[in-house]
Amino acid sequence: MKSLQVKLSVLAVILGMGAAFATVQHRAFSDRKWSFDPASGHYTDITGQQVGTDYNCDPGSSVCTATYPQGQDPNSNAANPLSVETGLFN
């Protein structure tokens, strides 16, 4: 009986850890997130910052943030971002 309780406890821990990892959004470590300043026309690296906590994108139709592969600097080559968030960065 005690062996069954230990096995069930281990199974519960493994399932809990699996569920925790399954619900985390995947982000490639090689991707970089950049904010865009329309006044200067320059991008600033904001990788690791969270929308709503570190910055906001107010409603708007311009580029607020863009994600590029590591090694691509959008200030010199802004073509083909992986993803774009529209709005006004602040």
PDB file of N, CA and C in Angstrom:
ATOM      1  N   MET A   1       0.821  -1.196   0.000  1.00  0.00           N
ATOM      2  CA  MET A   1       0.000   0.000   0.000  1.00  0.00           C
ATOM      3  C   MET A   1       0.866   1.262   0.000  1.00  0.00           C
ATOM      4  N   LYS A   2       1.932   1.244   0.834  1.00  0.00           N
ATOM      5  CA  LYS A   2       2.802   2.405   0.906  1.00  0.00           C
ATOM      6  C   LYS A   2       3.521   2.618  -0.421  1.00  0.00           C
ATOM      7  N   SER A   3       3.882   1.551  -1.103  1.00  0.00           N
ATOM      8  CA  SER A   3       4.548   1.651  -2.398  1.00  0.00           C
ATOM      9  C   SER A   3       3.625   2.316  -3.429  1.00  0.00           C
ATOM     10  N   LEU A   4       2.337   1.995  -3.362  1.00  0.00           N
ATOM     11  CA  LEU A   4       1.376   2.591  -4.272  1.00  0.00           C
ATOM     12  C   LEU A   4       1.245   4.093  -4.017  1.00  0.00           C
ATOM     13  N   GLN A   5       1.255   4.510  -2.758  1.00  0.00           N
ATOM     14  CA  GLN A   5       1.155   5.932  -2.417  1.00  0.00           C
ATOM     15  C   GLN A   5       2.368   6.697  -2.934  1.00  0.00           C
ATOM     16  N   VAL A   6       3.550   6.110  -2.807  1.00  0.00           N
ATOM     17  CA  VAL A   6       4.763   6.752  -3.292  1.00  0.00           C
ATOM     18  C   VAL A   6       4.717   6.884  -4.806  1.00  0.00           C
ATOM     19  N   LYS A   7       4.297   5.839  -5.489  1.00  0.00           N
ATOM     20  CA  LYS A   7       4.212   5.881  -6.948  1.00  0.00           C
ATOM     21  C   LYS A   7       3.203   6.928  -7.411  1.00  0.00           C
ATOM     22  N   LEU A   8       2.066   7.013  -6.747  1.00  0.00           N
ATOM     23  CA  LEU A   8       1.058   8.009  -7.109  1.00  0.00           C
ATOM     24  C   LEU A   8       1.562   9.425  -6.841  1.00  0.00           C
ATOM     25  N   SER A   9       2.305   9.613  -5.755  1.00  0.00           N
ATOM     26  CA  SER A   9       2.869  10.929  -5.446  1.00  0.00           C
ATOM     27  C   SER A   9       3.871  11.352  -6.514  1.00  0.00           C
ATOM     28  N   VAL A  10       4.734  10.428  -6.911  1.00  0.00           N
ATOM     29  CA  VAL A  10       5.722  10.725  -7.951  1.00  0.00           C
ATOM     30  C   VAL A  10       5.012  11.027  -9.270  1.00  0.00           C
ATOM     31  N   LEU A  11       3.993  10.274  -9.600  1.00  0.00           N
ATOM     32  CA  LEU A  11       3.236  10.497 -10.821  1.00  0.00           C
ATOM     33  C   LEU A  11       2.563  11.872 -10.801  1.00  0.00           C
ATOM     34  N   ALA A  12       2.014  12.270  -9.668  1.00  0.00           N
ATOM     35  CA  ALA A  12       1.376  13.581  -9.545  1.00  0.00           C
ATOM     36  C   ALA A  12       2.384  14.713  -9.734  1.00  0.00           C
ATOM     37  N   VAL A  13       3.574  14.554  -9.184  1.00  0.00           N
ATOM     38  CA  VAL A  13       4.615  15.579  -9.342  1.00  0.00           C
ATOM     39  C   VAL A  13       5.035  15.675 -10.811  1.00  0.00           C
ATOM     40  N   ILE A  14       5.226  14.556 -11.465  1.00  0.00           N
ATOM     41  CA  ILE A  14       5.630  14.546 -12.878  1.00  0.00           C
ATOM     42  C   ILE A  14       4.541  15.173 -13.748  1.00  0.00           C
ATOM     43  N   LEU A  15       3.286  14.842 -13.512  1.00  0.00           N
ATOM     44  CA  LEU A  15       2.193  15.430 -14.280  1.00  0.00           C
ATOM     45  C   LEU A  15       2.085  16.935 -14.034  1.00  0.00           C
ATOM     46  N   GLY A  16       2.287  17.356 -12.815  1.00  0.00           N
ATOM     47  CA  GLY A  16       2.244  18.782 -12.498  1.00  0.00           C
ATOM     48  C   GLY A  16       3.348  19.557 -13.200  1.00  0.00           C
ATOM     49  N   MET A  17       4.544  18.996 -13.206  1.00  0.00           N
ATOM     50  CA  MET A  17       5.655  19.662 -13.888  1.00  0.00           C
ATOM     51  C   MET A  17       5.417  19.696 -15.391  1.00  0.00           C
ATOM     52  N   GLY A  18       4.900  18.632 -15.944  1.00  0.00           N
ATOM     53  CA  GLY A  18       4.604  18.591 -17.375  1.00  0.00           C
ATOM     54  C   GLY A  18       3.554  19.620 -17.760  1.00  0.00           C
ATOM     55  N   ALA A  19       2.524  19.750 -16.928  1.00  0.00           N
ATOM     56  CA  ALA A  19       1.478  20.739 -17.198  1.00  0.00           C
ATOM     57  C   ALA A  19       2.032  22.155 -17.104  1.00  0.00           C
ATOM     58  N   ALA A  20       2.925  22.396 -16.172  1.00  0.00           N
ATOM     59  CA  ALA A  20       3.517  23.722 -16.028  1.00  0.00           C
ATOM     60  C   ALA A  20       4.335  24.088 -17.264  1.00  0.00           C
ATOM     61  N   PHE A  21       5.110  23.168 -17.765  1.00  0.00           N
ATOM     62  CA  PHE A  21       5.916  23.447 -18.955  1.00  0.00           C
ATOM     63  C   PHE A  21       5.049  23.549 -20.208  1.00  0.00           C
ATOM     64  N   ALA A  22       3.949  22.829 -20.250  1.00  0.00           N
ATOM     65  CA  ALA A  22       3.086  22.853 -21.428  1.00  0.00           C
ATOM     66  C   ALA A  22       2.339  24.175 -21.559  1.00  0.00           C
ATOM     67  N   THR A  23       2.126  24.882 -20.465  1.00  0.00           N
ATOM     68  CA  THR A  23       1.368  26.132 -20.510  1.00  0.00           C
ATOM     69  C   THR A  23       2.240  27.361 -20.685  1.00  0.00           C
ATOM     70  N   VAL A  24       3.548  27.221 -20.689  1.00  0.00           N
ATOM     71  CA  VAL A  24       4.457  28.355 -20.871  1.00  0.00           C
ATOM     72  C   VAL A  24       4.615  28.626 -22.362  1.00  0.00           C
ATOM     73  N   GLN A  25       4.475  29.890 -22.758  1.00  0.00           N
ATOM     74  CA  GLN A  25       4.619  30.249 -24.166  1.00  0.00           C
ATOM     75  C   GLN A  25       6.074  30.088 -24.595  1.00  0.00           C
ATOM     76  N   HIS A  26       6.254  29.419 -25.724  1.00  0.00           N
ATOM     77  CA  HIS A  26       7.611  29.195 -26.236  1.00  0.00           C
ATOM     78  C   HIS A  26       8.172  30.469 -26.844  1.00  0.00           C
ATOM     79  N   ARG A  27       9.378  30.804 -26.482  1.00  0.00           N
ATOM     80  CA  ARG A  27      10.090  31.920 -27.084  1.00  0.00           C
ATOM     81  C   ARG A  27      11.504  31.456 -27.377  1.00  0.00           C
ATOM     82  N   ALA A  28      11.887  31.583 -28.605  1.00  0.00           N
ATOM     83  CA  ALA A  28      13.240  31.203 -28.975  1.00  0.00           C
ATOM     84  C   ALA A  28      14.218  32.199 -28.366  1.00  0.00           C
ATOM     85  N   PHE A  29      15.291  31.693 -27.762  1.00  0.00           N
ATOM     86  CA  PHE A  29      16.273  32.568 -27.137  1.00  0.00           C
ATOM     87  C   PHE A  29      17.036  33.379 -28.176  1.00  0.00           C
ATOM     88  N   SER A  30      16.956  32.952 -29.431  1.00  0.00           N
ATOM     89  CA  SER A  30      17.693  33.670 -30.460  1.00  0.00           C
ATOM     90  C   SER A  30      16.909  34.848 -31.025  1.00  0.00           C
ATOM     91  N   ASP A  31      15.622  34.978 -30.683  1.00  0.00           N
ATOM     92  CA  ASP A  31      14.814  36.090 -31.181  1.00  0.00           C
ATOM     93  C   ASP A  31      15.012  37.315 -30.304  1.00  0.00           C
ATOM     94  N   ARG A  32      15.002  38.497 -30.920  1.00  0.00           N
ATOM     95  CA  ARG A  32      15.166  39.771 -30.213  1.00  0.00           C
ATOM     96  C   ARG A  32      13.942  40.628 -30.476  1.00  0.00           C
ATOM     97  N   LYS A  33      13.435  41.299 -29.436  1.00  0.00           N
ATOM     98  CA  LYS A  33      12.268  42.171 -29.568  1.00  0.00           C
ATOM     99  C   LYS A  33      12.736  43.619 -29.546  1.00  0.00           C
ATOM    100  N   TRP A  34      12.219  44.415 -30.484  1.00  0.00           N
ATOM    101  CA  TRP A  34      12.629  45.797 -30.644  1.00  0.00           C
ATOM    102  C   TRP A  34      11.413  46.713 -30.588  1.00  0.00           C
ATOM    103  N   SER A  35      11.555  47.870 -29.937  1.00  0.00           N
ATOM    104  CA  SER A  35      10.507  48.899 -29.973  1.00  0.00           C
ATOM    105  C   SER A  35      10.871  49.891 -31.063  1.00  0.00           C
ATOM    106  N   PHE A  36       9.851  50.530 -31.633  1.00  0.00           N
ATOM    107  CA  PHE A  36      10.086  51.482 -32.712  1.00  0.00           C
ATOM    108  C   PHE A  36       9.664  52.873 -32.267  1.00  0.00           C
ATOM    109  N   ASP A  37      10.549  53.846 -32.449  1.00  0.00           N
ATOM    110  CA  ASP A  37      10.264  55.248 -32.160  1.00  0.00           C
ATOM    111  C   ASP A  37      10.006  55.957 -33.490  1.00  0.00           C
ATOM    112  N   PRO A  38       8.733  56.278 -33.790  1.00  0.00           N
ATOM    113  CA  PRO A  38       8.437  56.895 -35.088  1.00  0.00           C
ATOM    114  C   PRO A  38       9.041  58.288 -35.244  1.00  0.00           C
ATOM    115  N   ALA A  39       9.286  58.999 -34.153  1.00  0.00           N
ATOM    116  CA  ALA A  39       9.868  60.343 -34.246  1.00  0.00           C
ATOM    117  C   ALA A  39      11.301  60.293 -34.778  1.00  0.00           C
ATOM    118  N   SER A  40      12.092  59.340 -34.284  1.00  0.00           N
ATOM    119  CA  SER A  40      13.488  59.238 -34.717  1.00  0.00           C
ATOM    120  C   SER A  40      13.667  58.218 -35.835  1.00  0.00           C
ATOM    121  N   GLY A  41      12.705  57.281 -35.959  1.00  0.00           N
ATOM    122  CA  GLY A  41      12.815  56.234 -36.962  1.00  0.00           C
ATOM    123  C   GLY A  41      13.770  55.123 -36.565  1.00  0.00           C
ATOM    124  N   HIS A  42      14.102  55.027 -35.276  1.00  0.00           N
ATOM    125  CA  HIS A  42      15.058  54.022 -34.800  1.00  0.00           C
ATOM    126  C   HIS A  42      14.375  52.973 -33.923  1.00  0.00           C
ATOM    127  N   TYR A  43      14.954  51.783 -33.932  1.00  0.00           N
ATOM    128  CA  TYR A  43      14.514  50.684 -33.084  1.00  0.00           C
ATOM    129  C   TYR A  43      15.422  50.596 -31.859  1.00  0.00           C
ATOM    130  N   THR A  44      14.842  50.192 -30.718  1.00  0.00           N
ATOM    131  CA  THR A  44      15.586  49.978 -29.481  1.00  0.00           C
ATOM    132  C   THR A  44      15.311  48.558 -29.003  1.00  0.00           C
ATOM    133  N   ASP A  45      16.342  47.828 -28.616  1.00  0.00           N
ATOM    134  CA  ASP A  45      16.209  46.447 -28.150  1.00  0.00           C
ATOM    135  C   ASP A  45      15.509  46.420 -26.788  1.00  0.00           C
ATOM    136  N   ILE A  46      14.371  45.730 -26.705  1.00  0.00           N
ATOM    137  CA  ILE A  46      13.633  45.601 -25.440  1.00  0.00           C
ATOM    138  C   ILE A  46      13.409  44.130 -25.091  1.00  0.00           C
ATOM    139  N   THR A  47      14.281  43.264 -25.563  1.00  0.00           N
ATOM    140  CA  THR A  47      14.157  41.835 -25.315  1.00  0.00           C
ATOM    141  C   THR A  47      14.074  41.569 -23.810  1.00  0.00           C
ATOM    142  N   GLY A  48      13.116  40.745 -23.412  1.00  0.00           N
ATOM    143  CA  GLY A  48      12.938  40.387 -22.006  1.00  0.00           C
ATOM    144  C   GLY A  48      11.926  41.254 -21.276  1.00  0.00           C
ATOM    145  N   GLN A  49      11.530  42.368 -21.860  1.00  0.00           N
ATOM    146  CA  GLN A  49      10.521  43.221 -21.231  1.00  0.00           C
ATOM    147  C   GLN A  49       9.126  42.713 -21.581  1.00  0.00           C
ATOM    148  N   GLN A  50       8.178  42.945 -20.678  1.00  0.00           N
ATOM    149  CA  GLN A  50       6.813  42.462 -20.852  1.00  0.00           C
ATOM    150  C   GLN A  50       5.857  43.621 -21.088  1.00  0.00           C
ATOM    151  N   VAL A  51       4.968  43.460 -22.073  1.00  0.00           N
ATOM    152  CA  VAL A  51       3.957  44.473 -22.336  1.00  0.00           C
ATOM    153  C   VAL A  51       3.019  44.559 -21.131  1.00  0.00           C
ATOM    154  N   GLY A  52       2.661  45.760 -20.743  1.00  0.00           N
ATOM    155  CA  GLY A  52       1.796  45.974 -19.588  1.00  0.00           C
ATOM    156  C   GLY A  52       2.566  46.154 -18.297  1.00  0.00           C
ATOM    157  N   THR A  53       3.780  45.638 -18.237  1.00  0.00           N
ATOM    158  CA  THR A  53       4.616  45.778 -17.044  1.00  0.00           C
ATOM    159  C   THR A  53       5.745  46.766 -17.299  1.00  0.00           C
ATOM    160  N   ASP A  54       6.519  46.527 -18.346  1.00  0.00           N
ATOM    161  CA  ASP A  54       7.680  47.361 -18.657  1.00  0.00           C
ATOM    162  C   ASP A  54       7.375  48.434 -19.704  1.00  0.00           C
ATOM    163  N   TYR A  55       6.375  48.183 -20.529  1.00  0.00           N
ATOM    164  CA  TYR A  55       6.004  49.149 -21.572  1.00  0.00           C
ATOM    165  C   TYR A  55       4.557  48.903 -21.980  1.00  0.00           C
ATOM    166  N   ASN A  56       3.985  49.847 -22.729  1.00  0.00           N
ATOM    167  CA  ASN A  56       2.635  49.720 -23.264  1.00  0.00           C
ATOM    168  C   ASN A  56       2.634  50.068 -24.738  1.00  0.00           C
ATOM    169  N   CYS A  57       1.697  49.504 -25.460  1.00  0.00           N
ATOM    170  CA  CYS A  57       1.459  49.862 -26.852  1.00  0.00           C
ATOM    171  C   CYS A  57       0.055  50.451 -26.925  1.00  0.00           C
ATOM    172  N   ASP A  58      -0.026  51.785 -26.951  1.00  0.00           N
ATOM    173  CA  ASP A  58      -1.322  52.450 -27.064  1.00  0.00           C
ATOM    174  C   ASP A  58      -1.892  52.179 -28.449  1.00  0.00           C
ATOM    175  N   PRO A  59      -3.221  52.211 -28.585  1.00  0.00           N
ATOM    176  CA  PRO A  59      -3.826  51.939 -29.897  1.00  0.00           C
ATOM    177  C   PRO A  59      -3.273  52.846 -30.988  1.00  0.00           C
ATOM    178  N   GLY A  60      -3.021  52.266 -32.115  1.00  0.00           N
ATOM    179  CA  GLY A  60      -2.491  52.996 -33.269  1.00  0.00           C
ATOM    180  C   GLY A  60      -2.179  52.022 -34.386  1.00  0.00           C
ATOM    181  N   SER A  61      -1.885  52.549 -35.551  1.00  0.00           N
ATOM    182  CA  SER A  61      -1.643  51.680 -36.707  1.00  0.00           C
ATOM    183  C   SER A  61      -0.167  51.537 -37.053  1.00  0.00           C
ATOM    184  N   SER A  62       0.712  52.260 -36.358  1.00  0.00           N
ATOM    185  CA  SER A  62       2.145  52.141 -36.659  1.00  0.00           C
ATOM    186  C   SER A  62       2.746  50.953 -35.899  1.00  0.00           C
ATOM    187  N   VAL A  63       3.994  50.659 -36.169  1.00  0.00           N
ATOM    188  CA  VAL A  63       4.694  49.547 -35.508  1.00  0.00           C
ATOM    189  C   VAL A  63       5.051  49.968 -34.084  1.00  0.00           C
ATOM    190  N   CYS A  64       4.621  49.188 -33.103  1.00  0.00           N
ATOM    191  CA  CYS A  64       4.994  49.420 -31.704  1.00  0.00           C
ATOM    192  C   CYS A  64       6.236  48.593 -31.383  1.00  0.00           C
ATOM    193  N   THR A  65       6.150  47.282 -31.607  1.00  0.00           N
ATOM    194  CA  THR A  65       7.296  46.396 -31.410  1.00  0.00           C
ATOM    195  C   THR A  65       7.385  45.433 -32.583  1.00  0.00           C
ATOM    196  N   ALA A  66       8.579  44.955 -32.816  1.00  0.00           N
ATOM    197  CA  ALA A  66       8.818  43.963 -33.864  1.00  0.00           C
ATOM    198  C   ALA A  66       9.853  42.971 -33.347  1.00  0.00           C
ATOM    199  N   THR A  67       9.671  41.713 -33.698  1.00  0.00           N
ATOM    200  CA  THR A  67      10.596  40.661 -33.292  1.00  0.00           C
ATOM    201  C   THR A  67      11.401  40.225 -34.501  1.00  0.00           C
ATOM    202  N   TYR A  68      12.723  40.208 -34.325  1.00  0.00           N
ATOM    203  CA  TYR A  68      13.658  39.827 -35.377  1.00  0.00           C
ATOM    204  C   TYR A  68      14.569  38.714 -34.868  1.00  0.00           C
ATOM    205  N   PRO A  69      15.117  37.910 -35.783  1.00  0.00           N
ATOM    206  CA  PRO A  69      16.084  36.896 -35.362  1.00  0.00           C
ATOM    207  C   PRO A  69      17.338  37.562 -34.788  1.00  0.00           C
ATOM    208  N   GLN A  70      17.996  36.856 -33.881  1.00  0.00           N
ATOM    209  CA  GLN A  70      19.230  37.374 -33.312  1.00  0.00           C
ATOM    210  C   GLN A  70      20.232  37.617 -34.428  1.00  0.00           C
ATOM    211  N   GLY A  71      20.925  38.725 -34.340  1.00  0.00           N
ATOM    212  CA  GLY A  71      21.911  39.063 -35.347  1.00  0.00           C
ATOM    213  C   GLY A  71      21.391  40.003 -36.406  1.00  0.00           C
ATOM    214  N   GLN A  72      20.061  40.164 -36.485  1.00  0.00           N
ATOM    215  CA  GLN A  72      19.503  41.106 -37.454  1.00  0.00           C
ATOM    216  C   GLN A  72      19.157  42.396 -36.731  1.00  0.00           C
ATOM    217  N   ASP A  73      19.803  43.470 -37.096  1.00  0.00           N
ATOM    218  CA  ASP A  73      19.550  44.783 -36.510  1.00  0.00           C
ATOM    219  C   ASP A  73      18.564  45.526 -37.400  1.00  0.00           C
ATOM    220  N   PRO A  74      17.343  45.775 -36.921  1.00  0.00           N
ATOM    221  CA  PRO A  74      16.354  46.440 -37.765  1.00  0.00           C
ATOM    222  C   PRO A  74      16.717  47.884 -38.108  1.00  0.00           C
ATOM    223  N   ASN A  75      17.671  48.478 -37.392  1.00  0.00           N
ATOM    224  CA  ASN A  75      18.101  49.832 -37.737  1.00  0.00           C
ATOM    225  C   ASN A  75      18.875  49.847 -39.050  1.00  0.00           C
ATOM    226  N   SER A  76      19.476  48.717 -39.403  1.00  0.00           N
ATOM    227  CA  SER A  76      20.198  48.641 -40.668  1.00  0.00           C
ATOM    228  C   SER A  76      19.468  47.787 -41.704  1.00  0.00           C
ATOM    229  N   ASN A  77      18.571  46.877 -41.223  1.00  0.00           N
ATOM    230  CA  ASN A  77      17.810  46.016 -42.131  1.00  0.00           C
ATOM    231  C   ASN A  77      16.488  45.658 -41.461  1.00  0.00           C
ATOM    232  N   ALA A  78      15.461  46.468 -41.715  1.00  0.00           N
ATOM    233  CA  ALA A  78      14.168  46.264 -41.057  1.00  0.00           C
ATOM    234  C   ALA A  78      13.246  45.330 -41.830  1.00  0.00           C
ATOM    235  N   ALA A  79      13.734  44.685 -42.861  1.00  0.00           N
ATOM    236  CA  ALA A  79      12.905  43.795 -43.670  1.00  0.00           C
ATOM    237  C   ALA A  79      12.632  42.485 -42.935  1.00  0.00           C
ATOM    238  N   ASN A  80      11.481  41.924 -43.186  1.00  0.00           N
ATOM    239  CA  ASN A  80      11.083  40.580 -42.748  1.00  0.00           C
ATOM    240  C   ASN A  80      11.145  40.337 -41.244  1.00  0.00           C
ATOM    241  N   PRO A  81      10.389  41.076 -40.435  1.00  0.00           N
ATOM    242  CA  PRO A  81      10.325  40.737 -39.017  1.00  0.00           C
ATOM    243  C   PRO A  81       9.568  39.418 -38.825  1.00  0.00           C
ATOM    244  N   LEU A  82       9.859  38.729 -37.733  1.00  0.00           N
ATOM    245  CA  LEU A  82       9.155  37.489 -37.425  1.00  0.00           C
ATOM    246  C   LEU A  82       7.727  37.778 -36.993  1.00  0.00           C
ATOM    247  N   SER A  83       7.530  38.870 -36.236  1.00  0.00           N
ATOM    248  CA  SER A  83       6.197  39.300 -35.822  1.00  0.00           C
ATOM    249  C   SER A  83       6.223  40.802 -35.544  1.00  0.00           C
ATOM    250  N   VAL A  84       5.040  41.424 -35.618  1.00  0.00           N
ATOM    251  CA  VAL A  84       4.905  42.862 -35.396  1.00  0.00           C
ATOM    252  C   VAL A  84       3.699  43.105 -34.508  1.00  0.00           C
ATOM    253  N   GLU A  85       3.841  44.021 -33.564  1.00  0.00           N
ATOM    254  CA  GLU A  85       2.745  44.466 -32.713  1.00  0.00           C
ATOM    255  C   GLU A  85       2.485  45.923 -33.052  1.00  0.00           C
ATOM    256  N   THR A  86       1.244  46.256 -33.398  1.00  0.00           N
ATOM    257  CA  THR A  86       0.947  47.628 -33.784  1.00  0.00           C
ATOM    258  C   THR A  86       0.547  48.467 -32.576  1.00  0.00           C
ATOM    259  N   GLY A  87       0.743  49.767 -32.708  1.00  0.00           N
ATOM    260  CA  GLY A  87       0.394  50.718 -31.654  1.00  0.00           C
ATOM    261  C   GLY A  87       1.471  51.757 -31.498  1.00  0.00           C
ATOM    262  N   LEU A  88       1.363  52.539 -30.440  1.00  0.00           N
ATOM    263  CA  LEU A  88       2.349  53.560 -30.119  1.00  0.00           C
ATOM    264  C   LEU A  88       3.080  53.157 -28.862  1.00  0.00           C
ATOM    265  N   PHE A  89       4.376  52.991 -28.944  1.00  0.00           N
ATOM    266  CA  PHE A  89       5.199  52.525 -27.817  1.00  0.00           C
ATOM    267  C   PHE A  89       5.319  53.606 -26.764  1.00  0.00           C
ATOM    268  N   ASN A  90       5.128  53.237 -25.506  1.00  0.00           N
ATOM    269  CA  ASN A  90       5.403  54.147 -24.382  1.00  0.00           C
ATOM    270  C   ASN A  90       5.692  53.354 -23.127  1.00  0.00           C
TER     271      ASN A  90
END
